[in-house]
Amino acid sequence: MTIKLPTRVALSTCALCATGLLIVTSPAAATGLAGTDPGAPGRPKTAMPQPALLEREGTQVRPRSEAPETPAVSALSWLVADAGSGEVLAAHDAHEQLPPASTLKTLFALTVLPAFPGGLRHTVSGADLAGIGEGSSLVGVVEGHTYQVSDLWRGVFLNSGNDAVHVLAALNGGWDRTARQMQTKARALGAVDTDVVSPDGYDADGQVSSAYDLAVFGRAGLRNPDFARYCSTVNALFPGNDGGSFGIANTNRLLTGADGVEPYPGLIGIKNGYTTNAGNTLVAAAHRDGRTLIVTLMNPQEGDGLEVYEEARQLLDWGFDAAGHVDPVGSLDALRPVAHAAAAPAPAASPSPSPSRAPVTTAQAPTASNWPRTAAIVGGAVGAGALALLLGLRRRNTRPWRR
């Protein structure tokens, strides 16, 4: 397990040092604005604590008076955020990199869902189903059968069907290409903790995400009407071999109330997951009194396989009660690349050659992935300016005096 605390904090500190030399001329310093929301130009952001509390280990929360006590949950990593504003209300080891299991299918859907209309029909080949991991969850896709893309997405969201993921990835140009596109998409959303190896979330060496990144994916997904509809569907029919169909049900017990789990009022979805390596993982969202909250949990250490739902319930209850009584500890927009206002529209990004961290384009503001280069440029410019100033003063002092 890797926590990215030292790198981000060190880089932020260097940036602040460089900025301190220039702050006297900064319009933001003159006006007191902390910045603007990239989604709403000109709108002041809520001031965030510095250094970011989300970079620290342990539970982070900033309660005001009358704030309810944060529940003690056993998940290795968790986060509660407001889906509208992106403000993180509380979190525990938010950036710790852990195996995501099938919650990674949220990123798969964000990447592939817009590419194909739901009514498109596809006949499945043997190659489409090749390479499905042993013990994978399946919805029942059969070679030689023709399915609508919408059927396959219901198989992904409800049954967490890795067979449906493989078919959609094949439609999208292949397994490896889809993994690269997912990696690029993650970076574009500001999710820097996620490394994609297997698009279906099946355990693979080096495949990790974080509670922070999963919340970013869930929030982005809810903005897509198709994603929101699929992830909140409780029951559906799936095409069978004989021309008929059979029923499938969402495996998110907090949505369906299966296995004795009480359904959560106002729950929207989003995606649950489980593997031996990852344990139980969950991205859930619920709406109440005009507010939508997103909760992510990774690998509860107590209880049985249903504990993840009960801990999510506790965090959602706390979040709705705490809203307005806590100050944010971070933002889901904090690491999102931002295009410069004067920059021309950047061309569509092509998939990176490997599922490694995607570079940030020159049309984007500094983020965690390009801060070292930016800090070096700023530091070099400041240093060069200081040197030029000293040389100029020296030259002036040695120059003959003229009236």
Protein backbone atom coordinates (compact mmCIF):
# COMPACT_ATOMS: atom_id res chain seq x y z
CA MET A 1 0.00 0.00 0.00
CA THR A 2 1.33 3.42 -0.91
CA ILE A 3 0.29 6.77 0.47
CA LYS A 4 1.21 9.78 -1.63
CA LEU A 5 1.56 12.17 1.30
CA PRO A 6 5.26 13.10 1.04
CA THR A 7 5.23 13.87 -2.70
CA ARG A 8 2.14 16.07 -2.78
CA VAL A 9 2.92 17.94 0.42
CA ALA A 10 6.52 18.57 -0.63
CA LEU A 11 5.46 19.77 -4.05
CA SER A 12 2.77 22.01 -2.59
CA THR A 13 5.33 23.50 -0.18
CA CYS A 14 7.77 24.23 -3.03
CA ALA A 15 4.99 25.84 -5.04
CA LEU A 16 3.99 28.01 -2.10
CA CYS A 17 7.61 29.11 -1.62
CA ALA A 18 7.84 30.20 -5.26
CA THR A 19 4.43 31.82 -5.13
CA GLY A 20 5.40 33.77 -2.02
CA LEU A 21 8.00 35.67 -4.05
CA LEU A 22 5.37 36.76 -6.54
CA ILE A 23 2.34 37.20 -4.32
CA VAL A 24 2.71 40.96 -3.95
CA THR A 25 1.75 41.37 -7.60
CA SER A 26 -1.00 38.73 -7.60
CA PRO A 27 -4.55 39.96 -8.35
CA ALA A 28 -5.86 37.12 -6.19
CA ALA A 29 -3.82 38.43 -3.26
CA ALA A 30 -5.28 41.87 -3.78
CA THR A 31 -8.86 40.68 -3.90
CA GLY A 32 -8.62 37.86 -1.35
CA LEU A 33 -10.03 35.27 -3.76
CA ALA A 34 -8.75 31.73 -3.25
CA GLY A 35 -9.53 30.81 -6.87
CA THR A 36 -12.45 29.98 -9.09
CA ASP A 37 -14.39 26.82 -9.70
CA PRO A 38 -13.43 25.44 -13.14
CA GLY A 39 -17.05 24.41 -13.61
CA ALA A 40 -18.35 27.91 -12.91
CA PRO A 41 -15.96 30.64 -14.15
CA GLY A 42 -15.71 33.65 -11.86
CA ARG A 43 -17.35 31.92 -8.90
CA PRO A 44 -15.20 31.99 -5.74
CA LYS A 45 -14.20 28.64 -4.34
CA THR A 46 -14.68 27.67 -0.74
CA ALA A 47 -11.35 28.20 0.96
CA MET A 48 -9.62 24.88 1.56
CA PRO A 49 -7.16 24.17 4.36
CA GLN A 50 -3.45 24.27 3.52
CA PRO A 51 -1.73 21.91 3.36
CA ALA A 52 -4.66 19.79 2.19
CA LEU A 53 -5.96 17.65 5.01
CA LEU A 54 -6.76 14.88 2.55
CA GLU A 55 -3.04 14.28 2.17
CA ARG A 56 -2.71 13.36 5.83
CA GLU A 57 -3.11 9.96 7.43
CA GLY A 58 -6.08 9.15 9.62
CA THR A 59 -9.57 10.63 9.82
CA GLN A 60 -9.89 14.24 8.70
CA VAL A 61 -12.90 16.36 9.66
CA ARG A 62 -13.36 20.04 10.61
CA PRO A 63 -16.44 20.19 12.86
CA ARG A 64 -18.19 23.38 13.83
CA SER A 65 -20.41 23.69 16.86
CA GLU A 66 -23.27 21.19 17.00
CA ALA A 67 -21.59 18.93 14.43
CA PRO A 68 -22.40 15.25 14.99
CA GLU A 69 -19.58 12.93 15.96
CA THR A 70 -17.91 11.16 13.04
CA PRO A 71 -18.84 7.46 13.04
CA ALA A 72 -16.11 4.94 13.80
CA VAL A 73 -16.03 2.66 10.76
CA SER A 74 -13.51 -0.06 10.02
CA ALA A 75 -12.87 0.51 6.29
CA LEU A 76 -9.20 1.02 5.46
CA SER A 77 -10.15 4.10 3.46
CA TRP A 78 -13.38 6.10 3.13
CA LEU A 79 -14.74 9.49 2.07
CA VAL A 80 -17.96 11.50 2.30
CA ALA A 81 -18.53 14.31 -0.21
CA ASP A 82 -21.24 16.61 -1.50
CA ALA A 83 -21.89 15.62 -5.11
CA GLY A 84 -23.04 19.11 -6.06
CA SER A 85 -20.22 21.27 -4.73
CA GLY A 86 -17.56 18.58 -4.66
CA GLU A 87 -16.69 19.50 -1.08
CA VAL A 88 -15.32 16.62 0.97
CA LEU A 89 -17.01 16.64 4.38
CA ALA A 90 -14.80 14.00 5.99
CA ALA A 91 -12.39 11.27 4.96
CA HIS A 92 -10.02 8.64 6.26
CA ASP A 93 -6.78 7.96 4.34
CA ALA A 94 -8.52 9.29 1.24
CA HIS A 95 -5.53 8.87 -1.09
CA GLU A 96 -4.36 5.45 0.08
CA GLN A 97 -3.93 3.22 -2.98
CA LEU A 98 -5.88 -0.03 -2.65
CA PRO A 99 -7.34 -2.64 -5.04
CA PRO A 100 -10.75 -1.31 -6.18
CA ALA A 101 -12.44 -4.55 -7.34
CA SER A 102 -15.57 -3.91 -9.44
CA THR A 103 -15.95 -0.30 -8.33
CA LEU A 104 -13.41 0.33 -11.12
CA LYS A 105 -16.30 -0.39 -13.50
CA THR A 106 -17.42 3.17 -12.78
CA LEU A 107 -14.34 4.42 -14.63
CA PHE A 108 -14.93 1.83 -17.36
CA ALA A 109 -18.45 3.19 -17.86
CA LEU A 110 -17.29 6.81 -17.86
CA THR A 111 -14.83 5.90 -20.61
CA VAL A 112 -16.86 3.60 -22.88
CA LEU A 113 -20.52 4.42 -22.26
CA PRO A 114 -20.58 7.58 -24.44
CA ALA A 115 -19.02 5.74 -27.40
CA PHE A 116 -21.95 3.51 -28.41
CA PRO A 117 -25.73 4.09 -28.55
CA GLY A 118 -27.78 1.78 -26.37
CA GLY A 119 -29.73 0.43 -29.34
CA LEU A 120 -26.64 -0.80 -31.21
CA ARG A 121 -26.73 -4.59 -31.69
CA HIS A 122 -23.65 -6.80 -31.51
CA THR A 123 -23.20 -10.53 -32.07
CA VAL A 124 -20.72 -11.91 -29.57
CA SER A 125 -17.70 -13.85 -30.81
CA GLY A 126 -15.44 -16.22 -28.94
CA ALA A 127 -12.67 -13.63 -29.08
CA ASP A 128 -14.92 -11.13 -27.28
CA LEU A 129 -15.08 -13.44 -24.26
CA ALA A 130 -11.43 -14.49 -24.20
CA GLY A 131 -9.38 -13.82 -21.07
CA ILE A 132 -12.16 -13.56 -18.48
CA GLY A 133 -10.57 -14.08 -15.06
CA GLU A 134 -11.26 -17.25 -13.11
CA GLY A 135 -14.06 -16.82 -10.61
CA SER A 136 -15.34 -13.64 -12.26
CA SER A 137 -18.90 -12.49 -11.74
CA LEU A 138 -20.90 -13.13 -14.93
CA VAL A 139 -24.27 -12.04 -16.25
CA GLY A 140 -24.56 -14.88 -18.80
CA VAL A 141 -23.35 -13.50 -22.14
CA VAL A 142 -23.21 -16.32 -24.71
CA GLU A 143 -21.07 -16.62 -27.82
CA GLY A 144 -23.08 -16.31 -31.03
CA HIS A 145 -25.95 -14.45 -29.39
CA THR A 146 -26.84 -10.89 -30.46
CA TYR A 147 -27.28 -8.29 -27.72
CA GLN A 148 -28.13 -4.64 -27.58
CA VAL A 149 -25.48 -2.44 -26.00
CA SER A 150 -28.05 -1.40 -23.38
CA ASP A 151 -28.42 -5.08 -22.38
CA LEU A 152 -24.67 -5.33 -21.86
CA TRP A 153 -24.59 -2.20 -19.70
CA ARG A 154 -27.36 -3.57 -17.49
CA GLY A 155 -25.21 -6.68 -17.15
CA VAL A 156 -22.27 -4.50 -16.08
CA PHE A 157 -24.11 -2.36 -13.55
CA LEU A 158 -26.54 -4.87 -12.06
CA ASN A 159 -24.69 -8.20 -12.14
CA SER A 160 -21.17 -6.73 -12.32
CA GLY A 161 -20.74 -9.04 -15.30
CA ASN A 162 -17.12 -9.29 -16.41
CA ASP A 163 -18.34 -11.07 -19.54
CA ALA A 164 -20.34 -7.96 -20.48
CA VAL A 165 -17.30 -5.77 -19.79
CA HIS A 166 -15.15 -7.92 -22.10
CA VAL A 167 -17.66 -7.64 -24.94
CA LEU A 168 -17.98 -3.86 -24.58
CA ALA A 169 -14.20 -3.50 -24.42
CA ALA A 170 -13.91 -5.56 -27.60
CA LEU A 171 -16.39 -3.21 -29.27
CA ASN A 172 -14.25 -0.32 -28.04
CA GLY A 173 -11.12 -1.57 -29.79
CA GLY A 174 -9.79 -4.13 -27.37
CA TRP A 175 -8.82 -4.78 -23.77
CA ASP A 176 -5.48 -2.97 -23.74
CA ARG A 177 -6.77 0.04 -25.66
CA THR A 178 -9.66 0.38 -23.24
CA ALA A 179 -7.30 0.21 -20.26
CA ARG A 180 -5.21 3.02 -21.77
CA GLN A 181 -8.29 5.13 -22.40
CA MET A 182 -9.45 4.57 -18.83
CA GLN A 183 -6.07 5.71 -17.57
CA THR A 184 -6.28 8.87 -19.64
CA LYS A 185 -9.84 9.50 -18.46
CA ALA A 186 -8.82 9.11 -14.82
CA ARG A 187 -6.08 11.72 -15.17
CA ALA A 188 -8.43 14.09 -17.00
CA LEU A 189 -10.76 13.90 -13.99
CA GLY A 190 -7.92 14.58 -11.54
CA ALA A 191 -7.78 10.99 -10.27
CA VAL A 192 -4.05 10.49 -9.77
CA ASP A 193 -4.20 7.48 -7.42
CA THR A 194 -5.67 5.11 -10.01
CA ASP A 195 -3.62 2.75 -12.16
CA VAL A 196 -5.65 0.61 -14.57
CA VAL A 197 -4.54 -2.88 -15.60
CA SER A 198 -7.81 -4.83 -15.95
CA PRO A 199 -10.83 -2.72 -17.01
CA ASP A 200 -13.32 -4.98 -15.21
CA GLY A 201 -11.67 -4.49 -11.81
CA TYR A 202 -10.41 -8.06 -11.61
CA ASP A 203 -7.37 -8.31 -9.32
CA ALA A 204 -4.15 -7.57 -11.23
CA ASP A 205 -0.65 -6.63 -10.19
CA GLY A 206 -0.34 -2.86 -9.91
CA GLN A 207 -4.05 -2.13 -10.22
CA VAL A 208 -5.07 0.37 -7.54
CA SER A 209 -7.42 3.25 -6.85
CA SER A 210 -8.44 5.25 -3.78
CA ALA A 211 -11.53 6.40 -1.93
CA TYR A 212 -10.90 9.88 -3.34
CA ASP A 213 -10.66 8.71 -6.95
CA LEU A 214 -13.70 6.46 -6.69
CA ALA A 215 -15.73 9.41 -5.39
CA VAL A 216 -14.52 11.46 -8.38
CA PHE A 217 -15.68 8.69 -10.74
CA GLY A 218 -19.04 8.31 -9.02
CA ARG A 219 -19.71 12.03 -9.07
CA ALA A 220 -18.81 12.30 -12.76
CA GLY A 221 -20.99 9.30 -13.55
CA LEU A 222 -24.09 10.82 -11.99
CA ARG A 223 -23.80 13.70 -14.46
CA ASN A 224 -24.38 11.23 -17.31
CA PRO A 225 -28.11 10.37 -17.52
CA ASP A 226 -27.42 6.88 -18.92
CA PHE A 227 -24.89 6.11 -16.19
CA ALA A 228 -27.29 7.39 -13.52
CA ARG A 229 -30.15 5.31 -14.91
CA TYR A 230 -28.15 2.08 -15.14
CA CYS A 231 -26.54 2.37 -11.70
CA SER A 232 -29.90 2.95 -9.98
CA THR A 233 -31.78 0.12 -11.73
CA VAL A 234 -32.90 -2.53 -9.25
CA ASN A 235 -34.19 -5.28 -11.56
CA ALA A 236 -34.07 -5.93 -15.30
CA LEU A 237 -34.50 -8.65 -17.92
CA PHE A 238 -31.49 -10.07 -19.75
CA PRO A 239 -31.71 -11.91 -23.11
CA GLY A 240 -31.56 -15.69 -22.87
CA ASN A 241 -30.48 -18.39 -25.34
CA ASP A 242 -33.96 -19.52 -26.36
CA GLY A 243 -35.21 -16.13 -27.52
CA GLY A 244 -36.65 -15.42 -24.08
CA SER A 245 -35.12 -13.57 -21.16
CA PHE A 246 -34.33 -14.03 -17.51
CA GLY A 247 -34.33 -11.67 -14.57
CA ILE A 248 -31.25 -10.07 -13.10
CA ALA A 249 -31.01 -7.98 -9.91
CA ASN A 250 -28.62 -5.32 -8.75
CA THR A 251 -26.03 -6.75 -6.35
CA ASN A 252 -25.91 -3.49 -4.34
CA ARG A 253 -27.82 -4.58 -1.23
CA LEU A 254 -28.11 -1.02 0.04
CA LEU A 255 -30.21 -0.34 -3.07
CA THR A 256 -32.22 -3.58 -3.23
CA GLY A 257 -32.56 -4.59 0.40
CA ALA A 258 -31.41 -8.15 -0.39
CA ASP A 259 -29.87 -10.49 2.20
CA GLY A 260 -31.43 -8.67 5.11
CA VAL A 261 -29.80 -5.30 4.40
CA GLU A 262 -32.30 -2.50 4.91
CA PRO A 263 -32.54 -0.32 1.77
CA TYR A 264 -31.23 3.21 2.29
CA PRO A 265 -33.85 5.94 1.68
CA GLY A 266 -33.04 8.03 -1.37
CA LEU A 267 -30.20 5.77 -2.53
CA ILE A 268 -29.18 6.30 -6.17
CA GLY A 269 -26.60 3.53 -6.63
CA ILE A 270 -23.67 3.46 -7.68
CA LYS A 271 -21.44 0.34 -7.67
CA ASN A 272 -20.25 -2.32 -5.26
CA GLY A 273 -17.36 -4.73 -5.64
CA TYR A 274 -15.54 -7.64 -4.10
CA THR A 275 -12.40 -9.66 -4.72
CA THR A 276 -10.23 -11.70 -2.41
CA ASN A 277 -7.46 -9.13 -2.66
CA ALA A 278 -9.62 -6.00 -2.42
CA GLY A 279 -12.19 -7.14 0.09
CA ASN A 280 -15.54 -5.34 -0.17
CA THR A 281 -15.62 -1.94 -1.86
CA LEU A 282 -18.50 0.44 -2.47
CA VAL A 283 -19.36 3.71 -4.18
CA ALA A 284 -22.81 4.88 -3.11
CA ALA A 285 -24.85 8.05 -3.52
CA ALA A 286 -28.08 9.17 -1.90
CA HIS A 287 -30.34 12.22 -2.23
CA ARG A 288 -32.18 13.95 0.61
CA ASP A 289 -33.63 17.44 1.08
CA GLY A 290 -32.08 18.83 -2.08
CA ARG A 291 -28.60 17.46 -1.35
CA THR A 292 -26.80 14.50 -2.93
CA LEU A 293 -23.97 12.85 -1.04
CA ILE A 294 -21.37 10.38 -2.29
CA VAL A 295 -19.75 7.85 0.01
CA THR A 296 -16.86 5.53 -0.83
CA LEU A 297 -15.49 2.71 1.30
CA MET A 298 -12.63 0.31 0.69
CA ASN A 299 -12.13 -2.96 2.54
CA PRO A 300 -13.91 -2.89 5.94
CA GLN A 301 -11.92 -4.82 8.54
CA GLU A 302 -14.83 -5.87 10.72
CA GLY A 303 -18.06 -7.79 10.26
CA ASP A 304 -19.04 -10.01 7.36
CA GLY A 305 -19.45 -9.28 3.65
CA LEU A 306 -22.42 -7.03 4.38
CA GLU A 307 -20.53 -4.71 6.74
CA VAL A 308 -19.63 -2.38 3.86
CA TYR A 309 -23.31 -1.47 3.49
CA GLU A 310 -23.83 -0.79 7.18
CA GLU A 311 -20.73 1.39 7.34
CA ALA A 312 -21.94 3.26 4.24
CA ARG A 313 -25.28 3.79 5.97
CA GLN A 314 -23.52 5.29 8.99
CA LEU A 315 -21.46 7.63 6.83
CA LEU A 316 -24.46 8.76 4.77
CA ASP A 317 -26.51 9.44 7.91
CA TRP A 318 -23.61 11.40 9.36
CA GLY A 319 -23.10 13.34 6.14
CA PHE A 320 -26.71 14.52 5.91
CA ASP A 321 -26.70 15.49 9.60
CA ALA A 322 -23.28 17.15 9.41
CA ALA A 323 -23.91 19.22 6.26
CA GLY A 324 -23.72 22.86 7.29
CA HIS A 325 -21.95 21.99 10.54
CA VAL A 326 -18.52 21.08 9.16
CA ASP A 327 -15.99 22.89 7.02
CA PRO A 328 -14.66 20.98 4.00
CA VAL A 329 -11.39 19.11 4.30
CA GLY A 330 -10.84 19.13 0.55
CA SER A 331 -12.55 19.09 -2.83
CA LEU A 332 -13.18 16.48 -5.52
CA ASP A 333 -12.16 19.18 -8.02
CA ALA A 334 -8.83 19.88 -6.33
CA LEU A 335 -6.65 17.78 -8.67
CA ARG A 336 -8.66 18.26 -11.86
CA PRO A 337 -6.60 19.84 -14.67
CA VAL A 338 -7.93 23.28 -15.62
CA ALA A 339 -7.55 24.81 -19.09
CA HIS A 340 -6.12 28.31 -19.16
CA ALA A 341 -8.76 30.89 -20.05
CA ALA A 342 -6.70 32.29 -22.93
CA ALA A 343 -5.64 28.94 -24.32
CA ALA A 344 -7.08 27.61 -27.55
CA PRO A 345 -9.15 24.42 -27.26
CA ALA A 346 -6.83 21.46 -26.97
CA PRO A 347 -7.16 18.63 -29.50
CA ALA A 348 -8.76 15.40 -28.32
CA ALA A 349 -6.26 13.38 -26.32
CA SER A 350 -5.13 10.14 -27.89
CA PRO A 351 -4.75 7.07 -25.68
CA SER A 352 -1.43 6.92 -23.88
CA PRO A 353 0.89 4.14 -25.06
CA SER A 354 0.68 2.29 -21.76
CA PRO A 355 -1.50 2.28 -18.63
CA SER A 356 0.91 4.60 -16.85
CA ARG A 357 0.20 8.06 -15.55
CA ALA A 358 -0.96 10.27 -18.43
CA PRO A 359 0.96 13.51 -18.96
CA VAL A 360 -0.81 16.82 -18.48
CA THR A 361 -1.01 18.94 -21.62
CA THR A 362 0.40 22.44 -21.81
CA ALA A 363 -3.13 23.80 -21.93
CA GLN A 364 -3.73 22.66 -18.37
CA ALA A 365 -2.95 24.31 -15.08
CA PRO A 366 -0.38 22.73 -12.76
CA THR A 367 -1.56 19.58 -11.04
CA ALA A 368 0.08 16.93 -8.87
CA SER A 369 1.48 15.29 -12.02
CA ASN A 370 3.25 18.36 -13.44
CA TRP A 371 4.06 20.35 -10.32
CA PRO A 372 7.75 19.33 -10.37
CA ARG A 373 8.21 20.79 -13.87
CA THR A 374 6.14 23.85 -13.03
CA ALA A 375 8.03 24.43 -9.77
CA ALA A 376 11.32 24.11 -11.63
CA ILE A 377 10.22 26.63 -14.26
CA VAL A 378 8.93 29.09 -11.65
CA GLY A 379 11.99 28.59 -9.47
CA GLY A 380 14.28 29.02 -12.46
CA ALA A 381 12.50 32.17 -13.55
CA VAL A 382 12.62 33.65 -10.05
CA GLY A 383 16.28 32.70 -9.71
CA ALA A 384 17.15 34.15 -13.10
CA GLY A 385 15.32 37.35 -12.28
CA ALA A 386 17.11 37.67 -8.95
CA LEU A 387 20.48 37.06 -10.62
CA ALA A 388 19.74 39.65 -13.30
CA LEU A 389 18.75 42.15 -10.63
CA LEU A 390 21.99 41.59 -8.66
CA LEU A 391 24.15 41.89 -11.78
CA GLY A 392 22.33 45.05 -12.77
CA LEU A 393 22.86 46.61 -9.36
CA ARG A 394 26.51 45.63 -9.38
CA ARG A 395 26.98 47.11 -12.83
CA ARG A 396 25.25 50.27 -11.79
CA ASN A 397 27.38 50.62 -8.68
CA THR A 398 30.61 50.29 -10.71
CA ARG A 399 29.51 52.63 -13.51
CA PRO A 400 31.04 56.18 -13.49
CA TRP A 401 28.71 58.76 -12.03
CA ARG A 402 27.19 61.06 -14.60
CA ARG A 403 25.23 64.19 -13.88
